[in-house]
Amino acid sequence: MKKLTPYVRVVLIFGLIFFFVEYFIDSEKPAFIEFPLVALFLSLILFVLIAIEVTYGAIENIVYQLLDEKQKEEFLKERSFTDSHSSYKKWMRWLTKSKPVEQNEEILREHDFDGIQELDNALPPWWLYGFYFTIIFAVVYLVRFHVLGGDNQIQEFDKALTEANAAVQEYKKNNPDLMDASNVALLTEAADLEKGKAIFQANCIPCHAPDGGGGIGPNLTDNHWILGPGISRIYTTISEGGRSGKGMIPWKTTLKPIEMQQVASYVISLKGTTPANPKEAEGDIIEE
């Protein structure tokens, strides 16, 4: 069975690694696009595979020089498959700029060290261009981050996180059903307060009286608070219920987030009004 040519080995091995990377990494986009480190890893793998093939070719050249004439003929016969393909030879010559084994005499240096002579092969273009790329990259990096003061990774992350949080808040604002205590806002429009009042009258008057003066539950018109003032805390009290064992149930299973927001806003609007039979103040005086 003929040996696989170097470029076929590189393509097959790299393709196999690429397949497993994409298979095992969960991502919406291709992994090498969504995760830059994956692209860096794949580039490194490709570089190593090419380097191995080039090293293997260099070792073959050394071995060839150590063979006698008969062994050289057998060696060349074994390589006749790849050598008979001119397109392959041109591609490899462009990739490595190396001389065929038969032309080693042309690039053999005159001096020797203990009988060992050196071949004056040109640097492979793929390595040379890669080296030039690292120089250009280093200059751009230096100017971008150390001269112009570009954002580093931490600063980029902080900016991206701020933008993401703003987008989440905007999305929640446009989708009331996703509202919670962390992003609820006080409503002041008359239409919202009227809706809040209607929900209050339908569900809350048995404990807090129609005018919020209190009964079983506390007075909602004074400046005393048991669980705290503010739209966020009142929303949480309505959603999660009052103190354990005190009777107020969580309303989150009955009311929608927007409805709890309207009720909480209406409760805040009751502050300072004069109920018919106000209940004695409970809790502490807490300013919003």
Protein backbone atom coordinates (compact mmCIF):
# COMPACT_ATOMS: atom_id res chain seq x y z
CA MET A 1 0.00 0.00 0.00
CA LYS A 2 1.41 3.37 -1.02
CA LYS A 3 2.16 5.89 1.71
CA LEU A 4 -0.14 8.88 1.99
CA THR A 5 1.52 12.01 0.67
CA PRO A 6 2.31 14.68 3.29
CA TYR A 7 -0.41 17.14 2.34
CA VAL A 8 -3.02 14.35 2.45
CA ARG A 9 -1.88 13.38 5.96
CA VAL A 10 -2.08 16.98 7.12
CA VAL A 11 -5.55 17.49 5.65
CA LEU A 12 -6.91 14.22 7.05
CA ILE A 13 -5.50 14.65 10.56
CA PHE A 14 -6.48 18.32 10.76
CA GLY A 15 -9.95 17.54 9.40
CA LEU A 16 -10.42 14.84 12.02
CA ILE A 17 -9.36 17.18 14.85
CA PHE A 18 -11.60 19.93 13.47
CA PHE A 19 -14.57 17.54 13.38
CA PHE A 20 -14.12 16.43 17.00
CA VAL A 21 -13.68 20.04 18.18
CA GLU A 22 -16.94 21.08 16.51
CA TYR A 23 -18.71 17.94 17.75
CA PHE A 24 -17.79 18.22 21.42
CA ILE A 25 -17.97 22.02 21.87
CA ASP A 26 -21.54 23.24 22.26
CA SER A 27 -22.04 26.52 20.40
CA GLU A 28 -24.68 28.20 18.25
CA LYS A 29 -22.12 29.29 15.67
CA PRO A 30 -19.08 27.30 14.53
CA ALA A 31 -16.86 26.90 17.59
CA PHE A 32 -13.82 28.52 15.96
CA ILE A 33 -15.92 31.66 15.27
CA GLU A 34 -17.71 31.87 18.62
CA PHE A 35 -14.62 31.05 20.70
CA PRO A 36 -11.39 32.74 19.51
CA LEU A 37 -9.30 30.36 21.63
CA VAL A 38 -10.62 27.45 19.56
CA ALA A 39 -9.44 29.18 16.37
CA LEU A 40 -6.05 29.75 18.00
CA PHE A 41 -5.89 26.08 19.03
CA LEU A 42 -6.74 24.89 15.50
CA SER A 43 -4.16 27.25 13.99
CA LEU A 44 -1.54 25.89 16.38
CA ILE A 45 -2.46 22.31 15.48
CA LEU A 46 -2.17 23.08 11.75
CA PHE A 47 1.19 24.75 12.33
CA VAL A 48 2.48 21.73 14.29
CA LEU A 49 1.26 19.27 11.63
CA ILE A 50 3.01 21.19 8.84
CA ALA A 51 6.16 21.50 10.96
CA ILE A 52 6.15 17.74 11.56
CA GLU A 53 5.85 17.05 7.84
CA VAL A 54 8.69 19.46 7.04
CA THR A 55 10.84 17.88 9.76
CA TYR A 56 10.01 14.43 8.44
CA GLY A 57 11.06 15.54 4.95
CA ALA A 58 14.37 16.88 6.30
CA ILE A 59 15.03 13.58 8.09
CA GLU A 60 14.32 11.73 4.84
CA ASN A 61 16.94 13.86 3.10
CA ILE A 62 19.51 13.05 5.77
CA VAL A 63 18.71 9.35 5.58
CA TYR A 64 19.03 9.48 1.79
CA GLN A 65 22.54 10.89 2.04
CA LEU A 66 23.57 7.98 4.25
CA LEU A 67 22.36 5.31 1.79
CA ASP A 68 24.54 3.55 -0.77
CA GLU A 69 23.69 3.72 -4.48
CA LYS A 70 21.50 0.62 -4.50
CA GLN A 71 19.55 1.75 -1.47
CA LYS A 72 19.12 5.18 -3.03
CA GLU A 73 17.54 3.60 -6.12
CA GLU A 74 15.09 1.64 -3.96
CA PHE A 75 14.32 4.75 -1.95
CA LEU A 76 13.58 6.76 -5.10
CA LYS A 77 11.42 3.94 -6.47
CA GLU A 78 9.31 4.06 -3.31
CA ARG A 79 8.76 7.77 -3.85
CA SER A 80 7.99 7.42 -7.54
CA PHE A 81 4.23 7.73 -6.94
CA THR A 82 4.43 11.27 -5.59
CA ASP A 83 7.31 12.28 -7.84
CA SER A 84 5.31 11.26 -10.94
CA HIS A 85 2.67 13.87 -10.15
CA SER A 86 3.94 17.21 -11.45
CA SER A 87 1.17 19.20 -9.73
CA TYR A 88 2.18 17.74 -6.38
CA LYS A 89 5.84 18.53 -7.04
CA LYS A 90 5.02 22.12 -7.97
CA TRP A 91 2.86 22.57 -4.91
CA MET A 92 5.53 21.17 -2.57
CA ARG A 93 8.22 23.25 -4.27
CA TRP A 94 6.13 26.39 -3.72
CA LEU A 95 5.39 25.43 -0.11
CA THR A 96 8.95 24.61 0.91
CA LYS A 97 11.23 26.03 -1.82
CA SER A 98 13.31 22.93 -1.21
CA LYS A 99 15.54 21.26 -3.77
CA PRO A 100 14.93 17.62 -4.74
CA VAL A 101 17.21 15.09 -3.10
CA GLU A 102 18.95 14.52 -6.42
CA GLN A 103 20.02 18.21 -6.51
CA ASN A 104 21.50 18.34 -3.03
CA GLU A 105 24.96 18.76 -4.54
CA GLU A 106 23.90 22.20 -5.83
CA ILE A 107 23.15 23.56 -2.36
CA LEU A 108 25.86 21.74 -0.44
CA ARG A 109 28.09 24.17 1.49
CA GLU A 110 31.82 23.81 0.98
CA HIS A 111 32.85 23.83 4.61
CA ASP A 112 32.30 20.83 6.86
CA PHE A 113 32.46 20.00 10.55
CA ASP A 114 34.07 16.67 11.33
CA GLY A 115 33.05 15.42 7.90
CA ILE A 116 29.48 16.69 8.22
CA GLN A 117 28.37 19.11 5.51
CA GLU A 118 25.41 21.47 5.54
CA LEU A 119 22.69 22.06 2.95
CA ASP A 120 21.89 25.70 2.15
CA ASN A 121 18.13 25.29 1.82
CA ALA A 122 15.96 28.42 1.60
CA LEU A 123 13.55 29.10 4.44
CA PRO A 124 10.09 27.65 3.67
CA PRO A 125 7.73 30.43 2.52
CA TRP A 126 4.99 29.35 4.93
CA TRP A 127 7.42 29.81 7.84
CA LEU A 128 8.88 33.04 6.46
CA TYR A 129 5.47 34.63 5.84
CA GLY A 130 4.33 33.49 9.26
CA PHE A 131 7.34 35.22 10.78
CA TYR A 132 6.56 38.41 8.86
CA PHE A 133 2.97 38.20 10.09
CA THR A 134 4.11 38.02 13.73
CA ILE A 135 6.25 41.14 13.20
CA ILE A 136 3.31 43.05 11.68
CA PHE A 137 1.00 41.81 14.43
CA ALA A 138 3.47 42.92 17.12
CA VAL A 139 3.72 46.43 15.63
CA VAL A 140 -0.08 46.77 15.34
CA TYR A 141 -0.52 45.45 18.89
CA LEU A 142 2.09 47.89 20.24
CA VAL A 143 0.48 50.89 18.55
CA ARG A 144 -3.08 49.82 19.35
CA PHE A 145 -2.69 49.11 23.06
CA HIS A 146 0.46 50.92 24.21
CA VAL A 147 0.43 54.06 22.05
CA LEU A 148 -3.25 54.72 21.34
CA GLY A 149 -4.43 53.27 24.67
CA GLY A 150 -6.90 50.73 23.32
CA ASP A 151 -9.15 48.78 25.68
CA ASN A 152 -7.62 45.67 27.18
CA GLN A 153 -9.57 42.46 27.71
CA ILE A 154 -10.92 43.48 31.13
CA GLN A 155 -12.14 46.84 29.82
CA GLU A 156 -13.73 45.21 26.78
CA PHE A 157 -15.45 42.70 29.07
CA ASP A 158 -16.77 45.46 31.37
CA LYS A 159 -18.15 47.40 28.40
CA ALA A 160 -19.73 44.30 26.90
CA LEU A 161 -21.26 43.41 30.29
CA THR A 162 -22.70 46.93 30.68
CA GLU A 163 -24.19 46.81 27.18
CA ALA A 164 -25.62 43.33 27.83
CA ASN A 165 -27.22 44.44 31.13
CA ALA A 166 -28.73 47.48 29.42
CA ALA A 167 -30.11 45.25 26.66
CA VAL A 168 -31.60 42.88 29.26
CA GLN A 169 -33.26 45.78 31.12
CA GLU A 170 -34.64 47.17 27.88
CA TYR A 171 -35.96 43.76 26.94
CA LYS A 172 -37.62 43.33 30.33
CA LYS A 173 -39.10 46.81 30.02
CA ASN A 174 -40.69 45.87 26.71
CA ASN A 175 -41.83 42.50 28.08
CA PRO A 176 -43.69 43.17 31.37
CA ASP A 177 -44.20 39.47 32.08
CA LEU A 178 -40.44 39.18 32.70
CA MET A 179 -40.48 41.93 35.34
CA ASP A 180 -39.19 41.27 38.84
CA ALA A 181 -38.20 43.29 41.91
CA SER A 182 -34.79 44.11 40.43
CA ASN A 183 -36.17 46.12 37.52
CA VAL A 184 -39.70 47.15 38.56
CA ALA A 185 -40.38 50.89 38.17
CA LEU A 186 -42.92 53.16 39.82
CA LEU A 187 -45.95 53.90 37.64
CA THR A 188 -47.47 57.38 37.84
CA GLU A 189 -49.86 57.46 34.89
CA ALA A 190 -53.53 57.78 35.91
CA ALA A 191 -54.52 54.78 33.78
CA ASP A 192 -52.02 52.52 35.54
CA LEU A 193 -53.07 53.75 38.99
CA GLU A 194 -56.73 53.14 38.14
CA LYS A 195 -55.92 49.58 37.13
CA GLY A 196 -53.93 49.16 40.34
CA LYS A 197 -56.87 50.50 42.34
CA ALA A 198 -59.27 48.06 40.65
CA ILE A 199 -56.99 45.12 41.48
CA PHE A 200 -56.62 46.42 45.06
CA GLN A 201 -60.41 46.71 45.47
CA ALA A 202 -60.88 43.20 44.11
CA ASN A 203 -58.26 41.47 46.25
CA CYS A 204 -56.90 43.60 49.11
CA ILE A 205 -59.78 45.37 50.87
CA PRO A 206 -60.61 42.45 53.26
CA CYS A 207 -57.27 43.05 55.01
CA HIS A 208 -56.41 46.68 54.22
CA ALA A 209 -59.87 48.32 53.88
CA PRO A 210 -61.15 50.03 50.72
CA ASP A 211 -59.22 53.25 51.46
CA GLY A 212 -56.04 51.50 52.66
CA GLY A 213 -56.68 52.40 56.29
CA GLY A 214 -55.98 48.85 57.44
CA GLY A 215 -57.86 46.08 59.23
CA ILE A 216 -56.33 42.65 59.59
CA GLY A 217 -53.44 44.08 57.62
CA PRO A 218 -51.52 47.28 58.39
CA ASN A 219 -52.45 50.84 57.50
CA LEU A 220 -51.03 51.70 54.08
CA THR A 221 -51.47 55.46 54.30
CA ASP A 222 -49.00 56.40 57.06
CA ASN A 223 -45.22 56.51 56.95
CA HIS A 224 -44.71 53.40 59.09
CA TRP A 225 -43.47 50.28 57.33
CA ILE A 226 -43.09 46.68 58.46
CA LEU A 227 -41.30 45.30 55.41
CA GLY A 228 -40.03 48.55 53.99
CA PRO A 229 -41.16 51.22 51.53
CA GLY A 230 -40.28 51.72 47.89
CA ILE A 231 -41.63 50.18 44.73
CA SER A 232 -39.14 47.28 44.81
CA ARG A 233 -39.87 46.21 48.40
CA ILE A 234 -43.63 46.62 48.07
CA TYR A 235 -43.56 44.65 44.82
CA THR A 236 -41.61 41.89 46.60
CA THR A 237 -44.12 41.86 49.49
CA ILE A 238 -47.03 41.49 47.07
CA SER A 239 -45.22 38.87 44.99
CA GLU A 240 -43.75 36.74 47.79
CA GLY A 241 -46.26 37.41 50.56
CA GLY A 242 -45.91 39.07 53.95
CA ARG A 243 -44.31 37.83 57.14
CA SER A 244 -44.53 34.10 57.77
CA GLY A 245 -47.67 33.18 59.67
CA LYS A 246 -49.23 36.67 59.34
CA GLY A 247 -51.76 35.71 56.72
CA MET A 248 -50.78 37.59 53.53
CA ILE A 249 -50.29 35.10 50.73
CA PRO A 250 -47.89 35.36 47.76
CA TRP A 251 -49.80 36.88 44.87
CA LYS A 252 -47.31 35.91 42.16
CA THR A 253 -49.37 32.84 41.27
CA THR A 254 -52.54 34.92 40.88
CA LEU A 255 -51.43 38.27 39.48
CA LYS A 256 -49.22 39.01 36.51
CA PRO A 257 -46.01 41.02 37.05
CA ILE A 258 -47.54 44.11 35.43
CA GLU A 259 -50.59 43.82 37.71
CA MET A 260 -48.40 43.57 40.83
CA GLN A 261 -46.51 46.64 39.59
CA GLN A 262 -49.78 48.55 39.21
CA VAL A 263 -50.96 47.53 42.70
CA ALA A 264 -47.61 48.47 44.26
CA SER A 265 -47.73 51.86 42.53
CA TYR A 266 -51.29 52.40 43.75
CA VAL A 267 -50.30 51.52 47.33
CA ILE A 268 -47.54 54.14 47.18
CA SER A 269 -50.10 56.70 45.95
CA LEU A 270 -52.13 56.11 49.15
CA LYS A 271 -49.40 57.54 51.36
CA GLY A 272 -50.55 60.76 53.07
CA THR A 273 -54.28 60.21 52.38
CA THR A 274 -56.83 60.24 55.19
CA PRO A 275 -58.72 56.94 55.60
CA ALA A 276 -62.09 56.79 57.42
CA ASN A 277 -60.92 54.48 60.21
CA PRO A 278 -57.12 54.38 60.19
CA LYS A 279 -55.52 51.51 62.04
CA GLU A 280 -52.87 52.29 64.59
CA ALA A 281 -49.42 52.59 63.01
CA GLU A 282 -47.29 49.45 62.88
CA GLY A 283 -43.64 48.99 62.12
CA ASP A 284 -41.03 51.71 61.90
CA ILE A 285 -40.85 55.11 60.28
CA ILE A 286 -38.78 54.57 57.14
CA GLU A 287 -38.29 57.23 54.57
CA GLU A 288 -38.09 56.07 50.96
